Amino acid sequence: MTDRGPTVINTGRSNTGWIVAVILALVVIGGILMYTGVINLNGGGSTEVNVNVPAVETPSTDKPATDTPATGTPATGTTTPTTTPTTTTTP
């Protein structure tokens, strides 16, 4: 009988290297996001909100009003409210 060379049996490749590489990549990406401030674990930090209310200005009275007639009658299309006089008698 003649001697043969060594017999190599391949049982499949292990995915352990890829799993370690993916976990390491996720850790590195998470560290970069935390370092740049995209992810903040300190409860939001200091956010300033402007709550100053603007000053209210009264309209100027320099110009006369031009949308009401000068005669004292109501403008066209409006009605004058009517009220009935009430009288009270005291005995």
Foldseek 3Di string as FASTA:
>chain_A
DDDDDDDDDDPDDDCPVVVVVVVVVVVVVVVVCPVVPVDDPPPPPDDDDDPDDDDDDDDDPPDPDDPADPPPDGDPPDDDDDDDDDDDDDD
